């Protein structure tokens, strides 16, 4: 399976293999005479091997891998499920050069694609489209209508004697939490516009008064100290860290063999116990984000003593949620100073046995925990979280049962955040459109013209 994904992602040009190239109907297209500029670079499309084309007065974009990456679009293909296209929220690479071609003819023949096409997780019926997806020179071409270019792919287009195309981030909404982890508030652009999302019917209630006690994330500060070579929690030793410190380090922030050390802890309570994570920063003279650090993870169940968990010292705590018989813990391993990295999901039993859930799935390098409802865990799963590496075939949102079985809720989309409601509905803020997607129902909640009350925000 992973071999299929890699092939689909790394192919530079031919998004559609030979099985799909035999489309049923043919149409006449032309190569535009006007200029085309993408992200401030003007194309030589009159002699490009894969030029922009026009059909019925609409400009079409060549969906090669490099063209798509340059305009922030992810693509993938399988013979079974067809073509997947999604806005990924950021551009990468550069404008490609596939060589020259003689484009002097007055018209050319293209074919209407007859394979399944998914755009941002939705299946479209290409046979009923007024401006269908086309195949030209064995490459998929997408119509640059307002619907596809602007509403789905987040492109900004303009005309001034020629066509100009660039990326645009459109969603100006945010999820906020007040008083609890269940984030039922939507903030509209500026911090002083709020409305409450009603999970039962996906309606909104504008707020006339400012929210108080804003939720700052899981956990609270824990009483963790460094004494000698050991970490102490509430006066009791919990871990020996001789490899980091020496015996002359006696405080939370002090000197040990010429280097400074800082210790901090976070405690997360759950039904029947609590989780503790401790961060140890050393060599404080090295500025962030390069300051060396290690993480230590512990859990206590049903009043038993705190146990150190078999979790890597380079993995930072993300989330913890309780389920029957234990907890799920999500950690993050950064591979760059920009925050890109892998999330690892583990199940920890009450006896302290740690199961690495990621190891059970070859197709996912990253499994990020969004929350739990009952014994079901809700996840974002990625083949690779590196910039530009998206597998639209398998990546997406999943519900995991206690037996580690996965049920896909929605394919990958680029978002500004997600929330899991107590009733199991999963919501996301798409980056390309002003609104909220109910991923569980597959419905879109339009927020572009919603009236909201302006309230005095309290920092």
Protein backbone atom coordinates (compact mmCIF):
# COMPACT_ATOMS: atom_id res chain seq x y z
CA UNK A 1 0.00 0.00 0.00
CA UNK A 2 2.75 2.47 0.91
CA UNK A 3 4.43 1.75 -2.44
CA UNK A 4 1.22 2.82 -4.21
CA UNK A 5 1.07 6.03 -2.20
CA UNK A 6 4.69 6.94 -2.89
CA UNK A 7 4.23 6.36 -6.61
CA UNK A 8 1.12 8.52 -6.69
CA UNK A 9 2.80 11.36 -4.84
CA UNK A 10 6.17 11.48 -6.56
CA UNK A 11 5.04 11.25 -10.18
CA UNK A 12 5.93 14.58 -11.74
CA UNK A 13 3.53 14.79 -14.63
CA UNK A 14 1.29 11.85 -15.39
CA UNK A 15 -1.39 12.06 -12.73
CA UNK A 16 -3.60 9.78 -14.77
CA UNK A 17 -2.31 6.37 -15.74
CA UNK A 18 -3.12 4.62 -19.02
CA UNK A 19 -6.22 2.86 -17.68
CA UNK A 20 -7.89 6.26 -17.19
CA UNK A 21 -6.64 7.94 -20.34
CA UNK A 22 -9.36 6.38 -22.46
CA UNK A 23 -12.07 8.94 -21.85
CA UNK A 24 -15.44 8.64 -23.60
CA UNK A 25 -15.91 12.04 -25.27
CA UNK A 26 -13.63 14.49 -27.03
CA UNK A 27 -13.81 18.27 -27.16
CA UNK A 28 -12.00 21.03 -29.04
CA UNK A 29 -9.71 23.32 -27.01
CA UNK A 30 -7.45 26.25 -27.81
CA UNK A 31 -4.28 27.67 -26.34
CA UNK A 32 -4.92 31.22 -25.07
CA UNK A 33 -3.25 34.18 -26.74
CA UNK A 34 -3.34 36.33 -23.59
CA UNK A 35 -0.54 36.41 -21.02
CA UNK A 36 -0.68 34.24 -17.88
CA UNK A 37 1.19 35.04 -14.66
CA UNK A 38 1.42 32.63 -11.70
CA UNK A 39 2.73 33.92 -8.39
CA UNK A 40 4.35 36.86 -10.20
CA UNK A 41 6.04 34.67 -12.85
CA UNK A 42 4.88 35.07 -16.44
CA UNK A 43 4.55 31.82 -18.41
CA UNK A 44 5.72 31.07 -21.91
CA UNK A 45 2.62 28.99 -22.37
CA UNK A 46 2.47 29.42 -26.16
CA UNK A 47 5.41 27.02 -26.44
CA UNK A 48 4.99 25.05 -23.21
CA UNK A 49 4.62 21.29 -23.42
CA UNK A 50 1.75 21.51 -20.91
CA UNK A 51 0.19 24.92 -21.58
CA UNK A 52 -2.94 26.46 -20.15
CA UNK A 53 -5.87 25.77 -22.47
CA UNK A 54 -9.31 27.26 -23.06
CA UNK A 55 -12.62 25.42 -23.42
CA UNK A 56 -15.97 27.17 -23.88
CA UNK A 57 -14.40 30.47 -22.79
CA UNK A 58 -12.94 29.07 -19.53
CA UNK A 59 -9.21 28.79 -18.86
CA UNK A 60 -7.94 25.36 -17.76
CA UNK A 61 -4.94 24.69 -15.53
CA UNK A 62 -2.51 21.74 -16.09
CA UNK A 63 -2.57 19.60 -12.95
CA UNK A 64 1.00 18.34 -13.10
CA UNK A 65 2.56 17.64 -9.74
CA UNK A 66 4.91 20.63 -9.96
CA UNK A 67 2.26 23.07 -11.18
CA UNK A 68 -0.02 22.01 -8.33
CA UNK A 69 2.70 22.27 -5.68
CA UNK A 70 3.57 25.76 -6.89
CA UNK A 71 -0.04 26.82 -6.30
CA UNK A 72 -0.61 24.96 -3.03
CA UNK A 73 -2.57 21.97 -4.33
CA UNK A 74 -2.06 18.32 -3.37
CA UNK A 75 -2.88 15.54 -5.83
CA UNK A 76 -2.97 11.74 -5.85
CA UNK A 77 -4.21 8.97 -8.11
CA UNK A 78 -5.25 5.31 -7.95
CA UNK A 79 -6.82 3.21 -10.68
CA UNK A 80 -9.59 2.19 -8.28
CA UNK A 81 -10.56 5.54 -6.72
CA UNK A 82 -9.45 7.96 -9.44
CA UNK A 83 -8.04 11.45 -8.91
CA UNK A 84 -7.82 13.25 -5.55
CA UNK A 85 -7.30 17.02 -5.43
CA UNK A 86 -7.13 19.18 -2.31
CA UNK A 87 -5.97 22.64 -1.31
CA UNK A 88 -3.06 22.19 1.09
CA UNK A 89 -2.70 25.80 2.23
CA UNK A 90 0.90 26.46 1.22
CA UNK A 91 3.01 26.53 -1.93
CA UNK A 92 6.24 24.63 -2.49
CA UNK A 93 8.73 24.12 -5.27
CA UNK A 94 9.00 26.36 -8.30
CA UNK A 95 7.27 26.86 -11.62
CA UNK A 96 8.21 23.82 -13.74
CA UNK A 97 9.71 23.68 -17.21
CA UNK A 98 8.76 20.50 -19.04
CA UNK A 99 10.29 21.46 -22.35
CA UNK A 100 9.01 23.05 -25.53
CA UNK A 101 6.19 22.10 -27.87
CA UNK A 102 4.81 23.52 -31.10
CA UNK A 103 1.51 25.10 -30.06
CA UNK A 104 0.80 26.96 -33.31
CA UNK A 105 -2.39 25.12 -34.28
CA UNK A 106 -5.69 26.96 -34.04
CA UNK A 107 -7.26 24.20 -31.96
CA UNK A 108 -6.49 20.88 -30.29
CA UNK A 109 -8.43 17.84 -29.09
CA UNK A 110 -8.91 17.05 -25.41
CA UNK A 111 -10.96 14.36 -23.69
CA UNK A 112 -13.52 14.57 -20.89
CA UNK A 113 -12.22 12.64 -17.89
CA UNK A 114 -14.43 9.64 -17.07
CA UNK A 115 -12.74 8.48 -13.86
CA UNK A 116 -13.77 9.42 -10.27
CA UNK A 117 -12.64 12.90 -9.19
CA UNK A 118 -12.51 14.03 -5.56
CA UNK A 119 -12.04 17.71 -4.67
CA UNK A 120 -11.35 18.53 -1.01
CA UNK A 121 -12.90 15.23 0.01
CA UNK A 122 -16.03 15.53 -2.15
CA UNK A 123 -16.80 13.33 -5.15
CA UNK A 124 -17.87 15.35 -8.21
CA UNK A 125 -19.92 14.02 -11.15
CA UNK A 126 -17.75 15.12 -14.06
CA UNK A 127 -20.34 13.97 -16.61
CA UNK A 128 -22.74 16.65 -15.34
CA UNK A 129 -20.27 19.51 -15.12
CA UNK A 130 -20.77 22.38 -17.57
CA UNK A 131 -17.00 22.81 -17.56
CA UNK A 132 -15.73 19.27 -16.94
CA UNK A 133 -12.27 18.16 -15.94
CA UNK A 134 -10.34 17.37 -19.13
CA UNK A 135 -7.38 15.27 -20.26
CA UNK A 136 -4.88 16.90 -22.62
CA UNK A 137 -1.53 15.37 -23.52
CA UNK A 138 -2.13 12.72 -20.84
CA UNK A 139 -2.38 15.33 -18.09
CA UNK A 140 -5.48 16.29 -16.11
CA UNK A 141 -6.72 19.85 -16.65
CA UNK A 142 -8.96 21.66 -14.19
CA UNK A 143 -11.39 24.46 -15.09
CA UNK A 144 -10.53 27.79 -13.47
CA UNK A 145 -14.13 28.65 -12.69
CA UNK A 146 -14.94 30.62 -9.55
CA UNK A 147 -16.18 27.42 -7.93
CA UNK A 148 -12.98 25.43 -8.41
CA UNK A 149 -10.26 28.09 -8.53
CA UNK A 150 -11.52 30.33 -5.73
CA UNK A 151 -13.93 28.39 -3.55
CA UNK A 152 -12.14 25.03 -3.61
CA UNK A 153 -8.44 25.67 -4.35
CA UNK A 154 -8.08 29.08 -2.69
CA UNK A 155 -6.60 30.82 -5.74
CA UNK A 156 -6.88 34.53 -6.32
CA UNK A 157 -7.45 35.36 -9.98
CA UNK A 158 -7.54 38.73 -11.72
CA UNK A 159 -7.66 40.09 -15.25
CA UNK A 160 -5.83 43.12 -16.62
CA UNK A 161 -5.16 42.33 -20.26
CA UNK A 162 -3.96 38.92 -19.07
CA UNK A 163 -4.69 36.32 -16.39
CA UNK A 164 -2.95 36.52 -12.99
CA UNK A 165 -3.16 33.62 -10.52
CA UNK A 166 -1.85 33.45 -6.95
CA UNK A 167 -2.59 31.72 -3.64
CA UNK A 168 -4.99 33.23 -1.13
CA UNK A 169 -5.83 32.25 2.46
CA UNK A 170 -9.52 32.96 2.91
CA UNK A 171 -10.79 31.55 6.21
CA UNK A 172 -10.66 34.21 8.93
CA UNK A 173 -12.31 32.20 11.69
CA UNK A 174 -10.92 30.39 14.72
CA UNK A 175 -12.07 27.88 17.28
CA UNK A 176 -11.84 29.06 20.90
CA UNK A 177 -12.56 27.18 24.11
CA UNK A 178 -14.10 28.67 27.20
CA UNK A 179 -14.00 26.91 30.53
CA UNK A 180 -13.50 23.42 29.13
CA UNK A 181 -11.77 21.47 26.41
CA UNK A 182 -14.89 21.29 24.26
CA UNK A 183 -14.38 24.29 21.97
CA UNK A 184 -17.89 25.41 21.06
CA UNK A 185 -16.94 29.02 20.35
CA UNK A 186 -16.10 30.39 16.93
CA UNK A 187 -14.11 33.63 16.84
CA UNK A 188 -14.71 35.82 13.79
CA UNK A 189 -11.46 37.40 12.66
CA UNK A 190 -10.81 39.96 15.36
CA UNK A 191 -10.91 38.66 18.91
CA UNK A 192 -14.06 40.56 19.87
CA UNK A 193 -16.48 38.77 17.55
CA UNK A 194 -17.84 35.50 18.94
CA UNK A 195 -20.64 33.04 18.27
CA UNK A 196 -21.43 29.73 19.94
CA UNK A 197 -21.73 26.59 17.84
CA UNK A 198 -24.70 24.42 18.77
CA UNK A 199 -23.61 20.84 18.18
CA UNK A 200 -27.13 19.41 17.96
CA UNK A 201 -28.12 21.24 14.77
CA UNK A 202 -24.95 23.09 13.67
CA UNK A 203 -26.57 26.48 14.24
CA UNK A 204 -24.89 29.54 15.78
CA UNK A 205 -25.82 31.91 18.58
CA UNK A 206 -24.00 35.28 18.55
CA UNK A 207 -22.65 36.31 21.97
CA UNK A 208 -23.65 39.68 23.39
CA UNK A 209 -21.26 39.47 26.35
CA UNK A 210 -17.55 38.60 26.32
CA UNK A 211 -16.50 35.05 27.18
CA UNK A 212 -14.61 34.50 30.41
CA UNK A 213 -12.12 31.91 31.66
CA UNK A 214 -10.75 31.02 28.27
CA UNK A 215 -9.41 27.48 28.15
CA UNK A 216 -5.64 27.41 27.69
CA UNK A 217 -5.17 23.76 26.78
CA UNK A 218 -4.91 20.49 28.61
CA UNK A 219 -3.22 20.37 31.98
CA UNK A 220 -2.02 22.62 34.76
CA UNK A 221 1.38 23.49 36.13
CA UNK A 222 2.88 20.73 38.26
CA UNK A 223 5.19 21.00 41.29
CA UNK A 224 8.28 19.44 39.70
CA UNK A 225 11.79 20.18 40.97
CA UNK A 226 15.35 19.12 40.41
CA UNK A 227 17.22 17.88 43.47
CA UNK A 228 20.66 16.40 42.97
CA UNK A 229 20.48 14.09 40.00
CA UNK A 230 16.75 13.38 40.32
CA UNK A 231 13.41 14.85 39.36
CA UNK A 232 10.97 15.25 42.26
CA UNK A 233 7.20 15.60 42.07
CA UNK A 234 5.46 16.94 45.18
CA UNK A 235 8.52 16.05 47.25
CA UNK A 236 8.98 12.47 46.02
CA UNK A 237 11.68 11.30 43.53
CA UNK A 238 10.32 10.12 40.20
CA UNK A 239 13.31 9.84 37.83
CA UNK A 240 17.10 9.87 37.82
CA UNK A 241 18.57 12.20 35.17
CA UNK A 242 22.27 11.91 35.92
CA UNK A 243 23.01 11.96 32.20
CA UNK A 244 21.80 15.58 32.09
CA UNK A 245 22.89 17.07 35.42
CA UNK A 246 25.56 16.72 38.07
CA UNK A 247 25.23 16.74 41.84
CA UNK A 248 25.85 20.49 42.17
CA UNK A 249 22.54 21.31 40.40
CA UNK A 250 20.10 21.97 43.23
CA UNK A 251 17.44 24.30 41.83
CA UNK A 252 14.94 24.69 39.02
CA UNK A 253 17.22 27.18 37.34
CA UNK A 254 20.86 26.92 38.26
CA UNK A 255 24.32 25.97 37.18
CA UNK A 256 25.54 22.43 36.64
CA UNK A 257 29.03 21.88 35.30
CA UNK A 258 28.89 25.24 33.58
CA UNK A 259 25.48 24.79 31.94
CA UNK A 260 22.08 26.04 33.03
CA UNK A 261 19.05 23.85 33.57
CA UNK A 262 15.34 24.58 33.71
CA UNK A 263 12.69 22.07 34.81
CA UNK A 264 8.94 22.42 34.27
CA UNK A 265 6.01 20.05 34.58
CA UNK A 266 2.41 19.70 33.41
CA UNK A 267 -0.25 17.53 35.03
CA UNK A 268 -3.41 16.34 33.25
CA UNK A 269 -6.13 14.79 35.39
CA UNK A 270 -8.41 12.12 33.99
CA UNK A 271 -11.02 9.81 35.45
CA UNK A 272 -9.20 7.52 37.86
CA UNK A 273 -5.76 9.10 37.71
CA UNK A 274 -3.44 11.68 36.19
CA UNK A 275 -0.72 12.06 33.59
CA UNK A 276 2.50 13.98 34.24
CA UNK A 277 4.97 15.29 31.68
CA UNK A 278 8.27 16.93 32.67
CA UNK A 279 10.40 19.04 30.38
CA UNK A 280 14.09 19.53 31.15
CA UNK A 281 15.85 22.34 29.26
CA UNK A 282 19.63 22.32 29.55
CA UNK A 283 22.39 24.45 28.05
CA UNK A 284 20.10 27.47 28.46
CA UNK A 285 22.77 29.66 26.92
CA UNK A 286 21.73 28.23 23.52
CA UNK A 287 18.79 30.35 22.29
CA UNK A 288 15.38 28.91 21.43
CA UNK A 289 14.32 27.02 19.43
CA UNK A 290 17.68 25.27 19.51
CA UNK A 291 17.93 24.90 23.31
CA UNK A 292 18.56 21.19 24.06
CA UNK A 293 15.68 19.58 25.94
CA UNK A 294 14.32 16.22 27.03
CA UNK A 295 10.86 15.07 28.05
CA UNK A 296 9.83 12.54 30.68
CA UNK A 297 6.38 10.97 30.87
CA UNK A 298 4.53 9.43 33.85
CA UNK A 299 1.06 8.20 34.77
CA UNK A 300 -0.78 7.15 37.91
CA UNK A 301 -3.98 5.07 37.97
CA UNK A 302 -6.49 4.48 40.78
CA UNK A 303 -4.32 5.98 43.52
CA UNK A 304 -1.26 3.87 42.68
CA UNK A 305 2.26 5.27 42.62
CA UNK A 306 3.44 7.33 39.67
CA UNK A 307 5.10 5.20 36.97
CA UNK A 308 7.49 6.38 34.28
CA UNK A 309 6.24 5.48 30.81
CA UNK A 310 8.24 4.00 27.96
CA UNK A 311 7.99 7.10 25.74
CA UNK A 312 10.96 8.70 23.98
CA UNK A 313 12.77 11.56 25.68
CA UNK A 314 12.61 13.58 22.45
CA UNK A 315 8.80 13.42 22.26
CA UNK A 316 6.74 16.35 23.49
CA UNK A 317 3.32 15.81 25.06
CA UNK A 318 0.31 16.78 22.91
CA UNK A 319 -2.87 15.31 24.40
CA UNK A 320 -4.11 12.62 26.78
CA UNK A 321 -7.61 11.14 27.04
CA UNK A 322 -8.95 8.31 29.15
CA UNK A 323 -10.71 5.23 27.83
CA UNK A 324 -11.82 2.02 29.49
CA UNK A 325 -8.80 0.27 30.95
CA UNK A 326 -6.31 3.09 30.43
CA UNK A 327 -5.49 6.23 28.45
CA UNK A 328 -4.44 7.35 24.99
CA UNK A 329 -1.38 9.62 24.87
CA UNK A 330 -0.38 11.64 21.82
CA UNK A 331 3.19 12.98 21.56
CA UNK A 332 5.04 15.05 18.96
CA UNK A 333 8.56 14.63 17.59
CA UNK A 334 9.80 17.71 15.71
CA UNK A 335 11.99 17.29 12.65
CA UNK A 336 12.50 21.02 12.05
CA UNK A 337 12.48 24.25 14.00
CA UNK A 338 9.31 25.23 12.11
CA UNK A 339 7.29 22.64 14.00
CA UNK A 340 6.96 19.99 11.30
CA UNK A 341 7.15 16.53 12.76
CA UNK A 342 5.41 13.31 13.68
CA UNK A 343 2.67 12.59 16.16
CA UNK A 344 2.76 9.20 17.87
CA UNK A 345 -0.29 7.65 19.51
CA UNK A 346 0.09 5.22 22.41
CA UNK A 347 -2.31 3.31 24.58
CA UNK A 348 -1.24 3.04 28.22
CA UNK A 349 -2.97 0.40 30.32
CA UNK A 350 -3.63 0.81 34.03
CA UNK A 351 -0.76 -1.57 34.60
CA UNK A 352 1.60 0.77 32.79
CA UNK A 353 1.92 -1.29 29.59
CA UNK A 354 2.56 1.04 26.63
CA UNK A 355 1.41 0.08 23.12
CA UNK A 356 2.69 2.16 20.20
CA UNK A 357 -0.38 2.41 17.95
CA UNK A 358 1.57 3.91 15.03
CA UNK A 359 3.50 0.64 14.72
CA UNK A 360 0.28 -1.14 13.74
CA UNK A 361 -0.20 0.96 10.58
CA UNK A 362 2.38 1.00 7.79
CA UNK A 363 0.52 3.71 5.87
CA UNK A 364 0.72 6.33 8.61
CA UNK A 365 3.85 7.95 9.94
CA UNK A 366 1.86 10.37 12.09
CA UNK A 367 -1.29 9.77 14.19
CA UNK A 368 -2.49 12.82 16.11
CA UNK A 369 -5.13 12.41 18.83
CA UNK A 370 -8.03 14.89 18.69
CA UNK A 371 -10.00 13.37 21.55
CA UNK A 372 -12.18 10.48 22.63
CA UNK A 373 -15.91 9.87 22.86
CA UNK A 374 -16.60 6.77 24.91
CA UNK A 375 -13.91 4.25 23.98
CA UNK A 376 -13.49 5.61 20.45
CA UNK A 377 -10.47 7.77 19.63
CA UNK A 378 -10.63 10.43 16.91
CA UNK A 379 -7.43 10.96 14.93
CA UNK A 380 -5.72 12.89 12.17
CA UNK A 381 -3.56 10.39 10.29
CA UNK A 382 -0.82 11.33 7.81
CA UNK A 383 1.58 9.31 5.72
CA UNK A 384 4.14 12.07 6.30
CA UNK A 385 3.64 15.45 8.00
CA UNK A 386 6.56 17.02 6.14
CA UNK A 387 5.80 20.14 4.12
CA UNK A 388 4.36 19.20 0.73
CA UNK A 389 4.13 15.45 1.38
CA UNK A 390 0.45 14.60 1.48
CA UNK A 391 -1.20 11.31 0.57
CA UNK A 392 -4.77 12.17 -0.36
CA UNK A 393 -5.52 8.48 -0.79
CA UNK A 394 -5.10 7.46 2.85
CA UNK A 395 -4.49 10.65 4.86
CA UNK A 396 -7.45 12.08 6.70
CA UNK A 397 -9.64 11.90 9.78
CA UNK A 398 -10.35 8.55 11.42
CA UNK A 399 -12.32 7.00 14.24
CA UNK A 400 -10.44 4.21 16.03
CA UNK A 401 -12.09 1.47 18.04
CA UNK A 402 -10.64 -0.16 21.14
CA UNK A 403 -9.43 -3.04 18.93
CA UNK A 404 -7.39 -0.45 16.92
CA UNK A 405 -9.67 -0.77 13.90
CA UNK A 406 -9.91 2.44 11.84
CA UNK A 407 -12.97 3.93 10.17
CA UNK A 408 -12.36 6.87 7.85
CA UNK A 409 -14.50 9.92 8.60
CA UNK A 410 -13.21 12.37 5.98
CA UNK A 411 -10.23 12.63 3.59
CA UNK A 412 -7.33 15.02 4.12
CA UNK A 413 -8.04 18.76 3.95
CA UNK A 414 -5.94 21.79 4.91
CA UNK A 415 -7.45 23.42 8.00
CA UNK A 416 -7.00 26.16 10.59
CA UNK A 417 -8.01 23.75 13.33
CA UNK A 418 -10.40 21.00 14.38
CA UNK A 419 -12.68 20.31 17.34
CA UNK A 420 -14.41 17.14 18.53
CA UNK A 421 -17.87 17.64 19.99
CA UNK A 422 -19.18 15.53 22.90
CA UNK A 423 -21.70 13.89 20.54
CA UNK A 424 -18.91 12.63 18.27
CA UNK A 425 -19.28 15.25 15.54
CA UNK A 426 -15.93 16.37 14.19
CA UNK A 427 -15.59 19.93 12.87
CA UNK A 428 -12.82 21.64 10.89
CA UNK A 429 -12.07 25.14 9.61
CA UNK A 430 -10.97 24.76 5.96
CA UNK A 431 -8.24 27.16 4.91
CA UNK A 432 -9.74 27.86 1.51
CA UNK A 433 -13.28 28.90 2.45
CA UNK A 434 -15.04 31.02 5.11
CA UNK A 435 -16.97 28.45 7.08
CA UNK A 436 -16.92 25.21 9.04
CA UNK A 437 -17.00 21.64 7.75
CA UNK A 438 -18.90 19.09 9.78
CA UNK A 439 -16.61 16.22 8.79
CA UNK A 440 -18.88 13.59 10.35
CA UNK A 441 -21.90 14.62 8.29
CA UNK A 442 -19.98 15.93 5.29
CA UNK A 443 -21.84 19.25 5.42
CA UNK A 444 -20.55 22.83 5.11
CA UNK A 445 -21.65 25.65 7.41
CA UNK A 446 -21.30 28.97 5.57
CA UNK A 447 -20.08 31.80 7.82
CA UNK A 448 -19.24 34.41 5.18
CA UNK A 449 -22.33 36.55 5.81
CA UNK A 450 -23.33 35.49 9.31
CA UNK A 451 -24.24 38.43 11.59
CA UNK A 452 -22.43 38.36 14.91
CA UNK A 453 -22.53 40.55 17.99
CA UNK A 454 -19.48 42.67 18.75
CA UNK A 455 -18.42 42.42 22.38
CA UNK A 456 -15.64 43.95 24.41
CA UNK A 457 -12.93 41.31 24.53
CA UNK A 458 -11.13 40.66 27.82
CA UNK A 459 -7.52 39.66 27.41
